[in-house]
Protein backbone atom coordinates (compact mmCIF):
# COMPACT_ATOMS: atom_id res chain seq x y z
CA UNK A 1 12.82 -23.98 1.51
CA UNK A 2 9.65 -22.03 0.85
CA UNK A 3 8.79 -21.06 -2.70
CA UNK A 4 9.19 -17.34 -3.44
CA UNK A 5 7.53 -15.49 -6.28
CA UNK A 6 7.59 -12.02 -7.73
CA UNK A 7 4.34 -10.09 -7.61
CA UNK A 8 3.69 -6.76 -9.29
CA UNK A 9 1.57 -4.44 -7.18
CA UNK A 10 -0.02 -1.11 -8.07
CA UNK A 11 0.48 1.24 -5.11
CA UNK A 12 -0.88 4.71 -5.79
CA UNK A 13 0.62 5.65 -9.18
CA UNK A 14 3.55 3.23 -9.02
CA UNK A 15 3.99 -0.42 -9.90
CA UNK A 16 6.15 -2.17 -7.31
CA UNK A 17 7.66 -5.62 -7.80
CA UNK A 18 8.16 -7.62 -4.62
CA UNK A 19 9.53 -11.07 -4.02
CA UNK A 20 7.33 -12.75 -1.43
CA UNK A 21 6.54 -16.19 -0.12
CA UNK A 22 3.69 -17.71 -2.08
CA UNK A 23 1.68 -18.20 1.11
CA UNK A 24 1.80 -14.42 1.74
CA UNK A 25 0.41 -13.28 -1.60
CA UNK A 26 -3.20 -12.92 -0.46
CA UNK A 27 -2.16 -10.97 2.65
CA UNK A 28 0.08 -8.62 0.64
CA UNK A 29 -2.59 -8.00 -2.01
CA UNK A 30 -5.17 -7.29 0.72
CA UNK A 31 -2.81 -4.80 2.36
CA UNK A 32 -2.20 -3.04 -0.96
CA UNK A 33 -5.96 -2.79 -1.57
CA UNK A 34 -6.50 -1.25 1.88
CA UNK A 35 -3.65 1.19 1.29
CA UNK A 36 -5.01 2.28 -2.09
CA UNK A 37 -8.58 2.54 -0.76
CA UNK A 38 -7.43 4.77 2.10
CA UNK A 39 -5.30 6.87 -0.27
CA UNK A 40 -8.31 7.38 -2.54
CA UNK A 41 -10.44 8.46 0.43
CA UNK A 42 -7.82 11.03 1.44
CA UNK A 43 -7.56 12.26 -2.17
CA UNK A 44 -11.34 12.73 -2.32
CA UNK A 45 -11.15 15.00 0.73
CA UNK A 46 -8.11 16.88 -0.60
CA UNK A 47 -7.82 16.52 -4.40
CA UNK A 48 -4.72 18.72 -4.63
CA UNK A 49 -2.65 16.70 -2.13
CA UNK A 50 0.85 15.86 -3.36
CA UNK A 51 1.88 12.22 -3.49
CA UNK A 52 4.61 12.81 -0.90
CA UNK A 53 2.10 14.36 1.51
CA UNK A 54 -0.34 11.54 0.86
CA UNK A 55 2.33 8.96 1.67
CA UNK A 56 3.21 10.87 4.84
CA UNK A 57 -0.46 10.82 5.93
CA UNK A 58 -0.71 7.08 5.27
CA UNK A 59 2.51 6.39 7.18
CA UNK A 60 1.36 8.50 10.12
CA UNK A 61 -2.02 6.77 10.25
CA UNK A 62 -0.27 3.38 10.23
CA UNK A 63 2.11 4.41 13.02
CA UNK A 64 -0.71 5.79 15.16
CA UNK A 65 -2.74 2.65 14.58
CA UNK A 66 0.13 0.49 15.84
CA UNK A 67 0.71 2.42 19.05
């Protein structure tokens, strides 16, 4: 059985705790960094954007990118 661990991740203004396989930690942390970097870029273009709208934009970009 693969070792699982809890990692605390800062996503936007929230801290999220996830239980992941140890081998996936680097991948998960890289994904969180990309998400936060993209969120910051969107916020720079639209400083008054609400968190819910920001999350919607990020989700839409991800869905379009996977089509």
